[in-house]
Amino acid sequence: MLTPKTFELAFETLPPPKPFLPGIRRAPSRGFRLSPSDAKLALANALRYIPKRFHEEVAPEFMEELLTRGRIYGYRFRPEGRIYGRPIHEYEGRTIEGRAMQVMIDNNLDFDVALYPYELVTYGETGQVFQNWMQYLLVKRYLEALRDDQTLVVSSGHPVGLFPSRPEAPRAIITNGLLVGAFDTPEHFHRLAALGCTNYGQMTAGGWMYIGPQGIVHGTYITILNAGRLYLGVPESENLAGHTFVSSGLGGMSGAQAKAVEIAGGVGVIAEVDASRIKTRLEQGWVSKVSDDLAQVVSWMRDAARSQTPISIAY
């Protein structure tokens, strides 16, 4: 049986509570629905990362997070300052793979990238890099120590340990949200997530490799173009010039729609209820124009369709 090498967090003193910067999106409360015994278990699961001498001070804080946010995030353990993907040589680590994965993790939690960075949600409303900031710190410790004959195993954000492996083996094996059989239900998932037992990582949040809408803009472009050919009779030699595509959503994935319809030569009108997401897509160049005036949007749409000018409009 393989015995993993494991680490624990070590603090001389607790990091101080930190203020939340204004203007940064925050995840909504996930709701508190745990029984008293489950709440006690959730607290114990979070405290396992903290040296015992600090439990008395940290436990009330964690319980407050659980009651008000529906999860224990361990906000005080988020590192000070800006988190972003720094140049790889600025990271500690025995292997380039261990340093590279730290870059990828930090990119997923960048204020300019993540949907709810304080709650470790990168995209998709619930797609988390880790369940809490203690896991973030601990995984960083493992990646710094990782050798090229070891593999880090991570289960829903929790580092199981460094296992002996081979240079040609993966340096990390990650699983997220694996519920099977009778337990594969939303009810079981929400309970287990609140307990700190599972994490929904989407595809690239918990997989540490988020690249934003660019990851699906090509597939979205092909889908929209083929829809035009299938339903509008657009010849294979032509694009969607003069045609209008109306949809909704400018989030981390749906934000690809606006650019995809422009690439396809058409006019896109994309509705979005969250103004902060529109602002992000506009600043990043994923959408061309923005207006909350429907008459203005319709005017732009008609002018562009008439002149066969590719454009995307956020409403």
Protein backbone atom coordinates (compact mmCIF):
# COMPACT_ATOMS: atom_id res chain seq x y z
CA MET A 1 0.00 0.00 0.00
CA LEU A 2 1.36 3.43 -0.97
CA THR A 3 1.83 5.81 1.95
CA PRO A 4 1.42 9.47 1.00
CA LYS A 5 3.54 12.31 2.32
CA THR A 6 1.27 14.80 4.09
CA PHE A 7 1.61 18.32 5.47
CA GLU A 8 -0.28 20.47 7.96
CA LEU A 9 -0.71 24.22 8.11
CA ALA A 10 1.49 25.84 10.73
CA PHE A 11 0.91 29.32 12.13
CA GLU A 12 2.86 31.13 14.84
CA THR A 13 -0.10 33.48 15.12
CA LEU A 14 -3.44 33.59 13.35
CA PRO A 15 -3.59 35.83 10.29
CA PRO A 16 -5.80 38.84 11.07
CA PRO A 17 -9.32 39.19 9.62
CA LYS A 18 -9.20 41.16 6.40
CA PRO A 19 -11.63 43.71 4.94
CA PHE A 20 -13.46 42.93 1.71
CA LEU A 21 -12.59 45.34 -1.07
CA PRO A 22 -15.57 47.29 -2.45
CA GLY A 23 -16.69 46.56 -5.99
CA ILE A 24 -15.71 42.88 -5.93
CA ARG A 25 -18.60 40.49 -6.64
CA ARG A 26 -19.59 38.29 -3.70
CA ALA A 27 -21.29 34.91 -3.89
CA PRO A 28 -24.85 34.85 -2.52
CA SER A 29 -25.55 32.86 0.60
CA ARG A 30 -25.92 29.18 -0.25
CA GLY A 31 -28.47 28.84 2.57
CA PHE A 32 -28.15 27.09 5.90
CA ARG A 33 -30.11 23.84 6.04
CA LEU A 34 -27.93 21.58 8.18
CA SER A 35 -29.13 19.74 11.26
CA PRO A 36 -27.36 20.56 14.57
CA SER A 37 -25.25 17.41 14.29
CA ASP A 38 -24.35 18.20 10.68
CA ALA A 39 -23.41 21.77 11.61
CA LYS A 40 -21.07 20.39 14.27
CA LEU A 41 -19.53 18.06 11.68
CA ALA A 42 -19.09 20.89 9.17
CA LEU A 43 -17.26 22.91 11.81
CA ALA A 44 -15.01 19.97 12.68
CA ASN A 45 -14.23 19.39 9.01
CA ALA A 46 -13.08 23.00 8.62
CA LEU A 47 -11.14 23.07 11.89
CA ARG A 48 -9.07 20.02 10.86
CA TYR A 49 -6.91 22.39 8.82
CA ILE A 50 -6.20 24.68 11.79
CA PRO A 51 -3.75 23.96 14.65
CA LYS A 52 -5.75 22.99 17.74
CA ARG A 53 -4.51 25.86 19.87
CA PHE A 54 -6.42 28.27 17.62
CA HIS A 55 -9.72 26.36 17.52
CA GLU A 56 -11.36 28.30 20.35
CA GLU A 57 -10.78 31.59 18.55
CA VAL A 58 -11.58 30.43 15.03
CA ALA A 59 -14.59 28.16 15.71
CA PRO A 60 -17.14 30.97 16.33
CA GLU A 61 -15.94 32.74 13.19
CA PHE A 62 -16.34 29.61 11.08
CA MET A 63 -19.79 28.95 12.51
CA GLU A 64 -20.84 32.51 11.68
CA GLU A 65 -19.75 31.96 8.09
CA LEU A 66 -21.69 28.70 7.94
CA LEU A 67 -24.86 30.30 9.31
CA THR A 68 -24.72 33.43 7.14
CA ARG A 69 -23.05 32.18 3.95
CA GLY A 70 -24.07 28.52 3.97
CA ARG A 71 -20.42 27.49 3.65
CA ILE A 72 -17.20 27.85 5.61
CA TYR A 73 -14.71 29.76 3.46
CA GLY A 74 -12.12 30.72 6.08
CA TYR A 75 -11.91 34.31 4.82
CA ARG A 76 -9.18 35.34 7.26
CA PHE A 77 -6.83 32.79 5.67
CA ARG A 78 -6.97 34.40 2.24
CA PRO A 79 -3.48 35.82 1.54
CA GLU A 80 -3.03 39.58 1.78
CA GLY A 81 -3.09 41.63 -1.39
CA ARG A 82 -3.83 40.77 -4.98
CA ILE A 83 -3.85 37.16 -6.13
CA TYR A 84 -2.97 36.67 -9.79
CA GLY A 85 -0.92 34.43 -12.03
CA ARG A 86 2.59 35.78 -11.53
CA PRO A 87 5.65 34.91 -13.66
CA ILE A 88 6.50 31.28 -12.97
CA HIS A 89 9.99 32.04 -11.62
CA GLU A 90 8.42 34.00 -8.74
CA TYR A 91 6.92 30.81 -7.27
CA GLU A 92 8.62 28.37 -4.93
CA GLY A 93 8.81 24.75 -6.04
CA ARG A 94 11.07 21.79 -6.80
CA THR A 95 9.47 21.15 -10.20
CA ILE A 96 8.29 23.35 -13.03
CA GLU A 97 4.97 21.48 -12.94
CA GLY A 98 4.47 22.37 -9.28
CA ARG A 99 5.20 26.02 -9.97
CA ALA A 100 3.04 26.05 -13.11
CA MET A 101 0.03 24.71 -11.22
CA GLN A 102 0.44 27.51 -8.68
CA VAL A 103 0.30 30.03 -11.54
CA MET A 104 -2.89 28.40 -12.81
CA ILE A 105 -4.53 28.37 -9.38
CA ASP A 106 -3.76 32.04 -8.78
CA ASN A 107 -5.04 32.99 -12.23
CA ASN A 108 -8.36 31.31 -11.38
CA LEU A 109 -8.66 33.51 -8.27
CA ASP A 110 -7.65 36.83 -9.82
CA PHE A 111 -10.15 39.64 -9.12
CA ASP A 112 -10.15 40.34 -12.88
CA VAL A 113 -10.88 36.70 -13.73
CA ALA A 114 -12.96 35.03 -11.00
CA LEU A 115 -16.71 35.47 -10.66
CA TYR A 116 -16.71 35.47 -6.84
CA PRO A 117 -13.02 35.53 -5.88
CA TYR A 118 -13.53 35.78 -2.11
CA GLU A 119 -15.59 32.57 -2.21
CA LEU A 120 -13.08 30.90 -4.57
CA VAL A 121 -15.68 30.71 -7.38
CA THR A 122 -14.10 31.15 -10.79
CA TYR A 123 -17.14 30.82 -13.05
CA GLY A 124 -20.48 29.11 -13.55
CA GLU A 125 -21.98 30.54 -10.32
CA THR A 126 -20.72 27.62 -8.21
CA GLY A 127 -17.47 26.44 -9.83
CA GLN A 128 -14.88 26.61 -7.06
CA VAL A 129 -11.11 26.23 -7.14
CA PHE A 130 -11.18 24.98 -3.53
CA GLN A 131 -13.82 24.82 -0.82
CA ASN A 132 -11.95 27.21 1.48
CA TRP A 133 -8.79 29.27 1.84
CA MET A 134 -7.16 26.73 4.14
CA GLN A 135 -7.17 24.24 1.27
CA TYR A 136 -5.62 26.91 -0.96
CA LEU A 137 -2.73 27.43 1.47
CA LEU A 138 -2.23 23.72 2.02
CA VAL A 139 -2.24 22.79 -1.67
CA LYS A 140 0.30 25.54 -2.30
CA ARG A 141 2.51 23.90 0.33
CA TYR A 142 2.20 20.53 -1.42
CA LEU A 143 2.97 22.01 -4.84
CA GLU A 144 6.09 23.69 -3.48
CA ALA A 145 7.33 20.33 -2.17
CA LEU A 146 6.24 18.25 -5.18
CA ARG A 147 9.04 16.22 -6.80
CA ASP A 148 9.07 14.68 -10.27
CA ASP A 149 8.65 11.22 -8.76
CA GLN A 150 5.49 12.16 -6.85
CA THR A 151 1.82 12.77 -7.67
CA LEU A 152 -0.42 15.08 -5.66
CA VAL A 153 -3.93 13.66 -5.17
CA VAL A 154 -6.67 16.23 -4.54
CA SER A 155 -10.24 15.26 -3.64
CA SER A 156 -12.76 18.12 -3.88
CA GLY A 157 -10.10 20.65 -2.96
CA HIS A 158 -8.70 18.55 -0.11
CA PRO A 159 -5.08 17.46 -0.63
CA VAL A 160 -4.91 13.75 0.18
CA GLY A 161 -1.12 13.72 -0.05
CA LEU A 162 1.94 13.28 -2.25
CA PHE A 163 2.11 9.70 -3.50
CA PRO A 164 5.18 7.97 -4.94
CA SER A 165 4.88 7.77 -8.74
CA ARG A 166 7.08 8.15 -11.84
CA PRO A 167 8.39 11.12 -13.84
CA GLU A 168 6.07 10.21 -16.73
CA ALA A 169 3.00 10.04 -14.44
CA PRO A 170 0.70 13.03 -13.83
CA ARG A 171 2.00 15.45 -11.22
CA ALA A 172 -1.55 15.97 -9.94
CA ILE A 173 -4.76 13.95 -10.02
CA ILE A 174 -7.86 15.98 -9.13
CA THR A 175 -11.45 14.90 -8.57
CA ASN A 176 -14.41 17.12 -7.76
CA GLY A 177 -18.03 16.46 -6.85
CA LEU A 178 -18.04 12.72 -7.42
CA LEU A 179 -21.41 11.57 -6.08
CA VAL A 180 -22.71 8.22 -7.25
CA GLY A 181 -25.85 6.13 -7.15
CA ALA A 182 -28.50 7.12 -4.62
CA PHE A 183 -26.36 10.06 -3.47
CA ASP A 184 -26.20 11.71 -6.89
CA THR A 185 -28.95 14.26 -6.17
CA PRO A 186 -28.98 18.05 -5.62
CA GLU A 187 -30.12 17.54 -2.03
CA HIS A 188 -27.22 15.26 -1.17
CA PHE A 189 -24.76 17.50 -2.97
CA HIS A 190 -25.81 20.68 -1.13
CA ARG A 191 -25.61 18.92 2.23
CA LEU A 192 -22.20 17.42 1.49
CA ALA A 193 -20.88 20.73 0.14
CA ALA A 194 -21.99 22.51 3.30
CA LEU A 195 -20.30 19.79 5.34
CA GLY A 196 -17.03 20.37 3.52
CA CYS A 197 -17.07 16.92 1.92
CA THR A 198 -17.49 17.77 -1.75
CA ASN A 199 -16.78 20.57 -4.17
CA TYR A 200 -18.25 21.40 -7.57
CA GLY A 201 -15.30 22.49 -9.67
CA GLN A 202 -17.13 22.96 -12.99
CA MET A 203 -14.68 21.94 -15.74
CA THR A 204 -11.74 24.32 -15.29
CA ALA A 205 -12.25 26.02 -11.91
CA GLY A 206 -11.49 23.02 -9.72
CA GLY A 207 -9.29 21.75 -12.55
CA TRP A 208 -7.07 24.87 -12.19
CA MET A 209 -7.07 25.76 -15.90
CA TYR A 210 -9.71 28.42 -16.57
CA ILE A 211 -9.14 30.49 -19.72
CA GLY A 212 -12.46 32.33 -19.89
CA PRO A 213 -14.83 32.48 -22.87
CA GLN A 214 -11.96 31.89 -25.32
CA GLY A 215 -12.15 28.20 -24.42
CA ILE A 216 -15.53 27.79 -26.10
CA VAL A 217 -15.75 30.68 -28.56
CA HIS A 218 -14.76 28.39 -31.46
CA GLY A 219 -17.43 25.81 -30.67
CA THR A 220 -20.01 28.55 -30.11
CA TYR A 221 -19.12 30.11 -33.47
CA ILE A 222 -19.55 26.77 -35.25
CA THR A 223 -22.89 26.15 -33.50
CA ILE A 224 -24.31 29.57 -34.41
CA LEU A 225 -23.07 29.35 -38.00
CA ASN A 226 -24.51 25.85 -38.48
CA ALA A 227 -27.84 27.00 -37.00
CA GLY A 228 -27.93 29.68 -39.69
CA ARG A 229 -27.24 27.12 -42.39
CA LEU A 230 -29.79 24.67 -41.01
CA TYR A 231 -32.68 27.04 -40.28
CA LEU A 232 -32.03 30.13 -42.43
CA GLY A 233 -30.70 28.44 -45.54
CA VAL A 234 -27.33 30.21 -45.38
CA PRO A 235 -25.09 28.61 -48.06
CA GLU A 236 -21.87 26.94 -46.93
CA SER A 237 -19.90 29.53 -48.89
CA GLU A 238 -21.41 32.42 -46.88
CA ASN A 239 -21.57 33.59 -43.28
CA LEU A 240 -24.34 35.19 -41.19
CA ALA A 241 -24.00 38.66 -42.72
CA GLY A 242 -27.33 40.48 -42.43
CA HIS A 243 -28.76 37.99 -39.92
CA THR A 244 -29.46 38.67 -36.24
CA PHE A 245 -28.84 36.33 -33.32
CA VAL A 246 -30.69 37.09 -30.06
CA SER A 247 -29.73 35.33 -26.85
CA SER A 248 -28.95 35.94 -23.18
CA GLY A 249 -26.01 35.55 -20.84
CA LEU A 250 -22.61 37.25 -20.69
CA GLY A 251 -21.02 35.19 -17.94
CA GLY A 252 -17.73 33.32 -17.99
CA MET A 253 -18.96 30.82 -20.59
CA SER A 254 -22.01 32.45 -22.17
CA GLY A 255 -19.88 35.54 -22.79
CA ALA A 256 -18.46 33.74 -25.82
CA GLN A 257 -21.77 34.20 -27.66
CA ALA A 258 -21.18 37.87 -28.45
CA LYS A 259 -17.77 37.39 -30.02
CA ALA A 260 -18.84 34.18 -31.78
CA VAL A 261 -21.66 35.87 -33.68
CA GLU A 262 -19.30 38.66 -34.73
CA ILE A 263 -16.81 36.11 -36.05
CA ALA A 264 -19.71 34.48 -37.92
CA GLY A 265 -20.40 37.84 -39.57
CA GLY A 266 -23.79 38.41 -37.94
CA VAL A 267 -25.43 40.82 -35.55
CA GLY A 268 -25.73 39.67 -31.94
CA VAL A 269 -28.02 41.05 -29.24
CA ILE A 270 -27.22 39.47 -25.88
CA ALA A 271 -29.30 40.27 -22.79
CA GLU A 272 -27.71 40.11 -19.32
CA VAL A 273 -29.24 40.94 -15.93
CA ASP A 274 -25.91 41.46 -14.12
CA ALA A 275 -24.37 44.81 -15.11
CA SER A 276 -21.00 43.83 -13.64
CA ARG A 277 -20.71 40.95 -16.10
CA ILE A 278 -21.52 43.26 -19.01
CA LYS A 279 -18.81 45.63 -17.78
CA THR A 280 -16.28 42.80 -17.66
CA ARG A 281 -17.09 41.56 -21.18
CA LEU A 282 -16.95 45.11 -22.57
CA GLU A 283 -13.57 45.80 -20.95
CA GLN A 284 -12.21 42.48 -22.22
CA GLY A 285 -13.43 43.11 -25.77
CA TRP A 286 -15.98 40.30 -25.90
CA VAL A 287 -18.86 42.64 -26.76
CA SER A 288 -18.84 45.79 -28.94
CA LYS A 289 -21.64 47.98 -27.63
CA VAL A 290 -23.80 48.29 -24.53
CA SER A 291 -27.13 49.99 -23.86
CA ASP A 292 -30.05 49.63 -21.46
CA ASP A 293 -32.26 51.52 -23.91
CA LEU A 294 -34.17 48.93 -25.94
CA ALA A 295 -34.98 51.43 -28.70
CA GLN A 296 -31.28 52.20 -29.08
CA VAL A 297 -30.42 48.50 -29.18
CA VAL A 298 -33.02 47.86 -31.89
CA SER A 299 -31.74 50.82 -33.92
CA TRP A 300 -28.15 49.55 -33.76
CA MET A 301 -29.32 46.06 -34.62
CA ARG A 302 -31.28 47.15 -37.70
CA ASP A 303 -28.53 49.44 -38.99
CA ALA A 304 -25.90 46.71 -38.64
CA ALA A 305 -28.10 44.06 -40.26
CA ARG A 306 -28.93 46.40 -43.14
CA SER A 307 -25.27 47.20 -43.79
CA GLN A 308 -24.19 43.60 -43.06
CA THR A 309 -21.76 44.84 -40.41
CA PRO A 310 -20.75 42.28 -37.77
CA ILE A 311 -21.47 43.62 -34.29
CA SER A 312 -22.40 42.41 -30.82
CA ILE A 313 -24.67 44.42 -28.53
CA ALA A 314 -25.18 43.86 -24.81
CA TYR A 315 -28.61 44.80 -23.45
